[in-house]
Amino acid sequence: MISRRNFFETSLLGFGALSLSNPTITNASSSRYGIVGQAAPELEIDYWIDKDGKPSSFKLSDHKDKWVFLKCFQSWCPGCHSHGLPALKKISEALKDNPKVVFAGIQTVFEGFSTNTVDKVRETQMQYGLQMTMGHNPGSHGVSPSTMSSYRTGGTPWMILINPQHYVVYNEFNINADKAIEYLTAQTA
């Protein structure tokens, strides 16, 4: 059994030697953020666009036996633009031809409601050339978006990695893109 502290020490170093595909990671409830080691809840989002900006859908249940990488962002988030979205771009580009990995971006709006609007999803997708499904999950004043609540995210940028058994194995603000590429490439070989 892996303690949450050891998991995060290892993950902050860039995945280390930890087998993130192991769904027995426990103590997720002892942290304020994240649900590492728990089954991934289905996404409750009504607005999705495909890689071309056309209306689409995205359900975890449609991606059984695949790794799912979710990136939560807000269009006005400086950390999203300095690290989160560039990391997503790098990881998704490196693994774009890998049929065992699926990517989705989600604008989880918990503040700046008049700025982080639905049209910003496509703008962000185009700005970074993200060839993936993207969604818009707004909360309302005082109510967090469903993704933030169900995955206990701590804001944006936020990265979530779900293994093929649909357990959350990574749930953090930052990710080392090179180590994530290395890890996912090894896991899907």
C-alpha atoms as a PDB file:
ATOM      1  CA  MET A   1       0.000   0.000   0.000  1.00  0.00           C
ATOM      2  CA  ILE A   2       1.312   3.457  -0.928  1.00  0.00           C
ATOM      3  CA  SER A   3       0.756   6.384   1.370  1.00  0.00           C
ATOM      4  CA  ARG A   4      -0.593   9.555  -0.158  1.00  0.00           C
ATOM      5  CA  ARG A   5       2.498  11.435   1.022  1.00  0.00           C
ATOM      6  CA  ASN A   6       4.859   9.029  -0.741  1.00  0.00           C
ATOM      7  CA  PHE A   7       2.706   9.131  -3.854  1.00  0.00           C
ATOM      8  CA  PHE A   8       2.880  12.914  -4.075  1.00  0.00           C
ATOM      9  CA  GLU A   9       6.589  13.039  -3.269  1.00  0.00           C
ATOM     10  CA  THR A  10       7.134  10.591  -6.119  1.00  0.00           C
ATOM     11  CA  SER A  11       4.701  12.279  -8.487  1.00  0.00           C
ATOM     12  CA  LEU A  12       6.191  15.702  -7.896  1.00  0.00           C
ATOM     13  CA  LEU A  13       9.503  14.238  -8.994  1.00  0.00           C
ATOM     14  CA  GLY A  14       7.833  13.299 -12.263  1.00  0.00           C
ATOM     15  CA  PHE A  15       6.216   9.873 -11.752  1.00  0.00           C
ATOM     16  CA  GLY A  16       9.386   8.228 -10.412  1.00  0.00           C
ATOM     17  CA  ALA A  17       9.296   4.445 -10.173  1.00  0.00           C
ATOM     18  CA  LEU A  18       5.765   4.329  -8.810  1.00  0.00           C
ATOM     19  CA  SER A  19       3.338   2.115 -10.681  1.00  0.00           C
ATOM     20  CA  LEU A  20       0.505   4.565 -11.216  1.00  0.00           C
ATOM     21  CA  SER A  21      -1.623   1.844 -12.776  1.00  0.00           C
ATOM     22  CA  ASN A  22      -2.057   0.312  -9.312  1.00  0.00           C
ATOM     23  CA  PRO A  23      -5.590   1.180  -8.147  1.00  0.00           C
ATOM     24  CA  THR A  24      -4.813   0.349  -4.507  1.00  0.00           C
ATOM     25  CA  ILE A  25      -3.412   3.765  -3.658  1.00  0.00           C
ATOM     26  CA  THR A  26      -5.304   4.833  -0.561  1.00  0.00           C
ATOM     27  CA  ASN A  27      -5.793   7.696   1.848  1.00  0.00           C
ATOM     28  CA  ALA A  28      -7.200   9.998  -0.843  1.00  0.00           C
ATOM     29  CA  SER A  29      -9.769  11.240   1.638  1.00  0.00           C
ATOM     30  CA  SER A  30      -6.986  12.437   3.957  1.00  0.00           C
ATOM     31  CA  SER A  31      -6.106  15.223   1.526  1.00  0.00           C
ATOM     32  CA  ARG A  32      -8.137  18.297   0.816  1.00  0.00           C
ATOM     33  CA  TYR A  33      -7.643  17.861  -2.946  1.00  0.00           C
ATOM     34  CA  GLY A  34      -7.773  14.991  -5.380  1.00  0.00           C
ATOM     35  CA  ILE A  35      -9.227  11.511  -5.393  1.00  0.00           C
ATOM     36  CA  VAL A  36      -6.143   9.465  -6.219  1.00  0.00           C
ATOM     37  CA  GLY A  37      -6.839   5.761  -5.850  1.00  0.00           C
ATOM     38  CA  GLN A  38     -10.581   6.145  -6.247  1.00  0.00           C
ATOM     39  CA  ALA A  39     -12.804   5.200  -9.179  1.00  0.00           C
ATOM     40  CA  ALA A  40     -13.108   8.054 -11.673  1.00  0.00           C
ATOM     41  CA  PRO A  41     -16.591   9.587 -11.578  1.00  0.00           C
ATOM     42  CA  GLU A  42     -18.355  10.095 -14.908  1.00  0.00           C
ATOM     43  CA  LEU A  43     -18.131  13.645 -16.187  1.00  0.00           C
ATOM     44  CA  GLU A  44     -21.361  15.627 -15.905  1.00  0.00           C
ATOM     45  CA  ILE A  45     -20.789  18.189 -18.638  1.00  0.00           C
ATOM     46  CA  ASP A  46     -23.353  19.330 -21.199  1.00  0.00           C
ATOM     47  CA  TYR A  47     -21.116  21.310 -23.571  1.00  0.00           C
ATOM     48  CA  TRP A  48     -18.425  19.580 -25.627  1.00  0.00           C
ATOM     49  CA  ILE A  49     -16.745  20.347 -28.940  1.00  0.00           C
ATOM     50  CA  ASP A  50     -14.581  18.067 -31.040  1.00  0.00           C
ATOM     51  CA  LYS A  51     -11.110  18.910 -32.367  1.00  0.00           C
ATOM     52  CA  ASP A  52     -12.726  20.963 -35.149  1.00  0.00           C
ATOM     53  CA  GLY A  53     -15.008  22.979 -32.852  1.00  0.00           C
ATOM     54  CA  LYS A  54     -18.166  21.046 -33.764  1.00  0.00           C
ATOM     55  CA  PRO A  55     -20.660  19.950 -31.067  1.00  0.00           C
ATOM     56  CA  SER A  56     -19.593  16.651 -29.576  1.00  0.00           C
ATOM     57  CA  SER A  57     -19.783  14.541 -26.453  1.00  0.00           C
ATOM     58  CA  PHE A  58     -17.327  12.895 -24.100  1.00  0.00           C
ATOM     59  CA  LYS A  59     -17.986  10.184 -21.561  1.00  0.00           C
ATOM     60  CA  LEU A  60     -15.430   8.175 -19.650  1.00  0.00           C
ATOM     61  CA  SER A  61     -17.576   5.093 -20.233  1.00  0.00           C
ATOM     62  CA  ASP A  62     -16.889   5.481 -23.978  1.00  0.00           C
ATOM     63  CA  HIS A  63     -13.164   5.049 -23.317  1.00  0.00           C
ATOM     64  CA  LYS A  64     -12.937   1.715 -21.529  1.00  0.00           C
ATOM     65  CA  ASP A  65      -9.493   0.126 -21.422  1.00  0.00           C
ATOM     66  CA  LYS A  66      -7.802   3.442 -22.274  1.00  0.00           C
ATOM     67  CA  TRP A  67      -5.778   5.968 -20.342  1.00  0.00           C
ATOM     68  CA  VAL A  68      -7.689   9.254 -20.042  1.00  0.00           C
ATOM     69  CA  PHE A  69      -5.822  12.530 -19.513  1.00  0.00           C
ATOM     70  CA  LEU A  70      -8.044  15.435 -18.453  1.00  0.00           C
ATOM     71  CA  LYS A  71      -6.806  19.014 -18.289  1.00  0.00           C
ATOM     72  CA  CYS A  72      -8.893  21.531 -16.357  1.00  0.00           C
ATOM     73  CA  PHE A  73      -8.315  25.190 -17.193  1.00  0.00           C
ATOM     74  CA  GLN A  74      -9.844  28.661 -17.262  1.00  0.00           C
ATOM     75  CA  SER A  75      -9.188  30.996 -20.159  1.00  0.00           C
ATOM     76  CA  TRP A  76      -7.974  33.771 -17.870  1.00  0.00           C
ATOM     77  CA  CYS A  77      -5.707  31.556 -15.732  1.00  0.00           C
ATOM     78  CA  PRO A  78      -2.034  32.653 -15.975  1.00  0.00           C
ATOM     79  CA  GLY A  79      -0.759  29.241 -14.785  1.00  0.00           C
ATOM     80  CA  CYS A  80      -2.841  27.537 -17.461  1.00  0.00           C
ATOM     81  CA  HIS A  81      -1.122  29.589 -20.145  1.00  0.00           C
ATOM     82  CA  SER A  82       2.389  29.438 -18.686  1.00  0.00           C
ATOM     83  CA  HIS A  83       2.428  25.725 -17.855  1.00  0.00           C
ATOM     84  CA  GLY A  84      -0.819  23.759 -17.983  1.00  0.00           C
ATOM     85  CA  LEU A  85      -1.886  24.210 -21.600  1.00  0.00           C
ATOM     86  CA  PRO A  86       1.664  24.013 -23.027  1.00  0.00           C
ATOM     87  CA  ALA A  87       2.156  20.747 -21.061  1.00  0.00           C
ATOM     88  CA  LEU A  88      -1.134  19.416 -22.426  1.00  0.00           C
ATOM     89  CA  LYS A  89      -0.094  20.359 -25.957  1.00  0.00           C
ATOM     90  CA  LYS A  90       3.292  18.651 -25.579  1.00  0.00           C
ATOM     91  CA  ILE A  91       1.876  15.454 -24.065  1.00  0.00           C
ATOM     92  CA  SER A  92      -1.047  15.186 -26.485  1.00  0.00           C
ATOM     93  CA  GLU A  93       1.164  15.829 -29.524  1.00  0.00           C
ATOM     94  CA  ALA A  94       3.654  13.180 -28.423  1.00  0.00           C
ATOM     95  CA  LEU A  95       0.885  10.606 -27.944  1.00  0.00           C
ATOM     96  CA  LYS A  96      -1.552  11.669 -30.687  1.00  0.00           C
ATOM     97  CA  ASP A  97      -1.153   8.415 -32.607  1.00  0.00           C
ATOM     98  CA  ASN A  98      -1.463   6.219 -29.530  1.00  0.00           C
ATOM     99  CA  PRO A  99      -4.923   4.581 -29.575  1.00  0.00           C
ATOM    100  CA  LYS A 100      -4.626   3.691 -25.884  1.00  0.00           C
ATOM    101  CA  VAL A 101      -4.596   7.310 -24.661  1.00  0.00           C
ATOM    102  CA  VAL A 102      -7.440   9.837 -24.867  1.00  0.00           C
ATOM    103  CA  PHE A 103      -7.214  13.551 -24.070  1.00  0.00           C
ATOM    104  CA  ALA A 104      -9.877  16.100 -23.142  1.00  0.00           C
ATOM    105  CA  GLY A 105      -9.681  19.702 -21.979  1.00  0.00           C
ATOM    106  CA  ILE A 106     -12.322  21.081 -19.620  1.00  0.00           C
ATOM    107  CA  GLN A 107     -12.831  24.739 -18.780  1.00  0.00           C
ATOM    108  CA  THR A 108     -13.894  24.458 -15.136  1.00  0.00           C
ATOM    109  CA  VAL A 109     -15.260  27.912 -14.344  1.00  0.00           C
ATOM    110  CA  PHE A 110     -15.322  28.706 -10.647  1.00  0.00           C
ATOM    111  CA  GLU A 111     -14.618  32.459 -10.908  1.00  0.00           C
ATOM    112  CA  GLY A 112     -14.533  35.120 -13.599  1.00  0.00           C
ATOM    113  CA  PHE A 113     -17.841  33.930 -15.015  1.00  0.00           C
ATOM    114  CA  SER A 114     -18.168  36.861 -17.416  1.00  0.00           C
ATOM    115  CA  THR A 115     -14.673  36.211 -18.817  1.00  0.00           C
ATOM    116  CA  ASN A 116     -14.345  32.395 -18.794  1.00  0.00           C
ATOM    117  CA  THR A 117     -17.258  31.936 -21.174  1.00  0.00           C
ATOM    118  CA  VAL A 118     -18.191  29.034 -23.428  1.00  0.00           C
ATOM    119  CA  ASP A 119     -16.705  30.756 -26.512  1.00  0.00           C
ATOM    120  CA  LYS A 120     -13.305  30.775 -24.777  1.00  0.00           C
ATOM    121  CA  VAL A 121     -13.183  26.974 -25.041  1.00  0.00           C
ATOM    122  CA  ARG A 122     -12.802  27.105 -28.822  1.00  0.00           C
ATOM    123  CA  GLU A 123     -10.476  30.124 -28.622  1.00  0.00           C
ATOM    124  CA  THR A 124      -8.181  28.223 -26.259  1.00  0.00           C
ATOM    125  CA  GLN A 125      -8.356  25.106 -28.412  1.00  0.00           C
ATOM    126  CA  MET A 126      -7.322  27.086 -31.475  1.00  0.00           C
ATOM    127  CA  GLN A 127      -4.674  29.150 -29.649  1.00  0.00           C
ATOM    128  CA  TYR A 128      -2.812  25.983 -28.636  1.00  0.00           C
ATOM    129  CA  GLY A 129      -3.740  23.835 -31.634  1.00  0.00           C
ATOM    130  CA  LEU A 130      -5.288  21.237 -29.350  1.00  0.00           C
ATOM    131  CA  GLN A 131      -6.577  18.366 -31.453  1.00  0.00           C
ATOM    132  CA  MET A 132      -8.956  16.963 -28.843  1.00  0.00           C
ATOM    133  CA  THR A 133     -12.438  17.137 -27.421  1.00  0.00           C
ATOM    134  CA  MET A 134     -12.940  20.068 -25.082  1.00  0.00           C
ATOM    135  CA  GLY A 135     -15.744  20.960 -22.706  1.00  0.00           C
ATOM    136  CA  HIS A 136     -17.138  23.840 -20.698  1.00  0.00           C
ATOM    137  CA  ASN A 137     -18.163  23.125 -17.112  1.00  0.00           C
ATOM    138  CA  PRO A 138     -19.305  26.307 -15.389  1.00  0.00           C
ATOM    139  CA  GLY A 139     -20.246  26.508 -11.783  1.00  0.00           C
ATOM    140  CA  SER A 140     -22.158  29.469 -10.458  1.00  0.00           C
ATOM    141  CA  HIS A 141     -21.430  32.005  -7.780  1.00  0.00           C
ATOM    142  CA  GLY A 142     -20.801  29.932  -4.665  1.00  0.00           C
ATOM    143  CA  VAL A 143     -21.216  26.557  -6.432  1.00  0.00           C
ATOM    144  CA  SER A 144     -18.232  24.732  -7.904  1.00  0.00           C
ATOM    145  CA  PRO A 145     -18.393  23.092 -11.331  1.00  0.00           C
ATOM    146  CA  SER A 146     -19.288  19.386 -11.171  1.00  0.00           C
ATOM    147  CA  THR A 147     -15.801  18.339 -12.314  1.00  0.00           C
ATOM    148  CA  MET A 148     -14.162  20.311  -9.506  1.00  0.00           C
ATOM    149  CA  SER A 149     -16.528  18.805  -6.950  1.00  0.00           C
ATOM    150  CA  SER A 150     -16.362  15.195  -8.095  1.00  0.00           C
ATOM    151  CA  TYR A 151     -12.583  15.157  -8.625  1.00  0.00           C
ATOM    152  CA  ARG A 152     -11.858  17.524  -5.706  1.00  0.00           C
ATOM    153  CA  THR A 153      -9.628  19.712  -7.830  1.00  0.00           C
ATOM    154  CA  GLY A 154      -7.856  22.645  -6.267  1.00  0.00           C
ATOM    155  CA  GLY A 155      -8.367  25.136  -9.092  1.00  0.00           C
ATOM    156  CA  THR A 156      -6.632  25.585 -12.413  1.00  0.00           C
ATOM    157  CA  PRO A 157      -4.479  24.457 -14.069  1.00  0.00           C
ATOM    158  CA  TRP A 158      -5.307  20.938 -12.957  1.00  0.00           C
ATOM    159  CA  MET A 159      -4.312  17.596 -14.494  1.00  0.00           C
ATOM    160  CA  ILE A 160      -6.096  14.297 -13.968  1.00  0.00           C
ATOM    161  CA  LEU A 161      -4.822  10.952 -15.236  1.00  0.00           C
ATOM    162  CA  ILE A 162      -7.168   7.977 -15.201  1.00  0.00           C
ATOM    163  CA  ASN A 163      -5.902   4.453 -15.826  1.00  0.00           C
ATOM    164  CA  PRO A 164      -7.609   1.859 -18.079  1.00  0.00           C
ATOM    165  CA  GLN A 165      -9.437   0.397 -15.076  1.00  0.00           C
ATOM    166  CA  HIS A 166     -10.856   3.916 -14.555  1.00  0.00           C
ATOM    167  CA  TYR A 167      -9.075   4.726 -11.322  1.00  0.00           C
ATOM    168  CA  VAL A 168      -7.592   8.171 -10.783  1.00  0.00           C
ATOM    169  CA  VAL A 169      -3.815   7.817 -10.590  1.00  0.00           C
ATOM    170  CA  TYR A 170      -2.759  11.461 -10.850  1.00  0.00           C
ATOM    171  CA  ASN A 171      -4.666  14.549  -9.701  1.00  0.00           C
ATOM    172  CA  GLU A 172      -2.514  17.674  -9.276  1.00  0.00           C
ATOM    173  CA  PHE A 173      -1.794  21.266 -10.327  1.00  0.00           C
ATOM    174  CA  ASN A 174       1.379  20.550 -12.270  1.00  0.00           C
ATOM    175  CA  ILE A 175       2.826  17.718 -14.291  1.00  0.00           C
ATOM    176  CA  ASN A 176       6.244  17.089 -15.787  1.00  0.00           C
ATOM    177  CA  ALA A 177       5.327  16.733 -19.469  1.00  0.00           C
ATOM    178  CA  ASP A 178       8.458  14.772 -20.419  1.00  0.00           C
ATOM    179  CA  LYS A 179       7.989  12.286 -17.571  1.00  0.00           C
ATOM    180  CA  ALA A 180       4.274  11.954 -18.368  1.00  0.00           C
ATOM    181  CA  ILE A 181       5.104  11.141 -22.011  1.00  0.00           C
ATOM    182  CA  GLU A 182       7.724   8.623 -20.910  1.00  0.00           C
ATOM    183  CA  TYR A 183       5.339   7.031 -18.412  1.00  0.00           C
ATOM    184  CA  LEU A 184       2.338   6.784 -20.743  1.00  0.00           C
ATOM    185  CA  THR A 185       4.490   5.496 -23.582  1.00  0.00           C
ATOM    186  CA  ALA A 186       5.813   2.720 -21.327  1.00  0.00           C
ATOM    187  CA  GLN A 187       2.338   1.892 -19.976  1.00  0.00           C
ATOM    188  CA  THR A 188       0.833   1.585 -23.449  1.00  0.00           C
ATOM    189  CA  ALA A 189       3.675  -0.269 -25.194  1.00  0.00           C
END
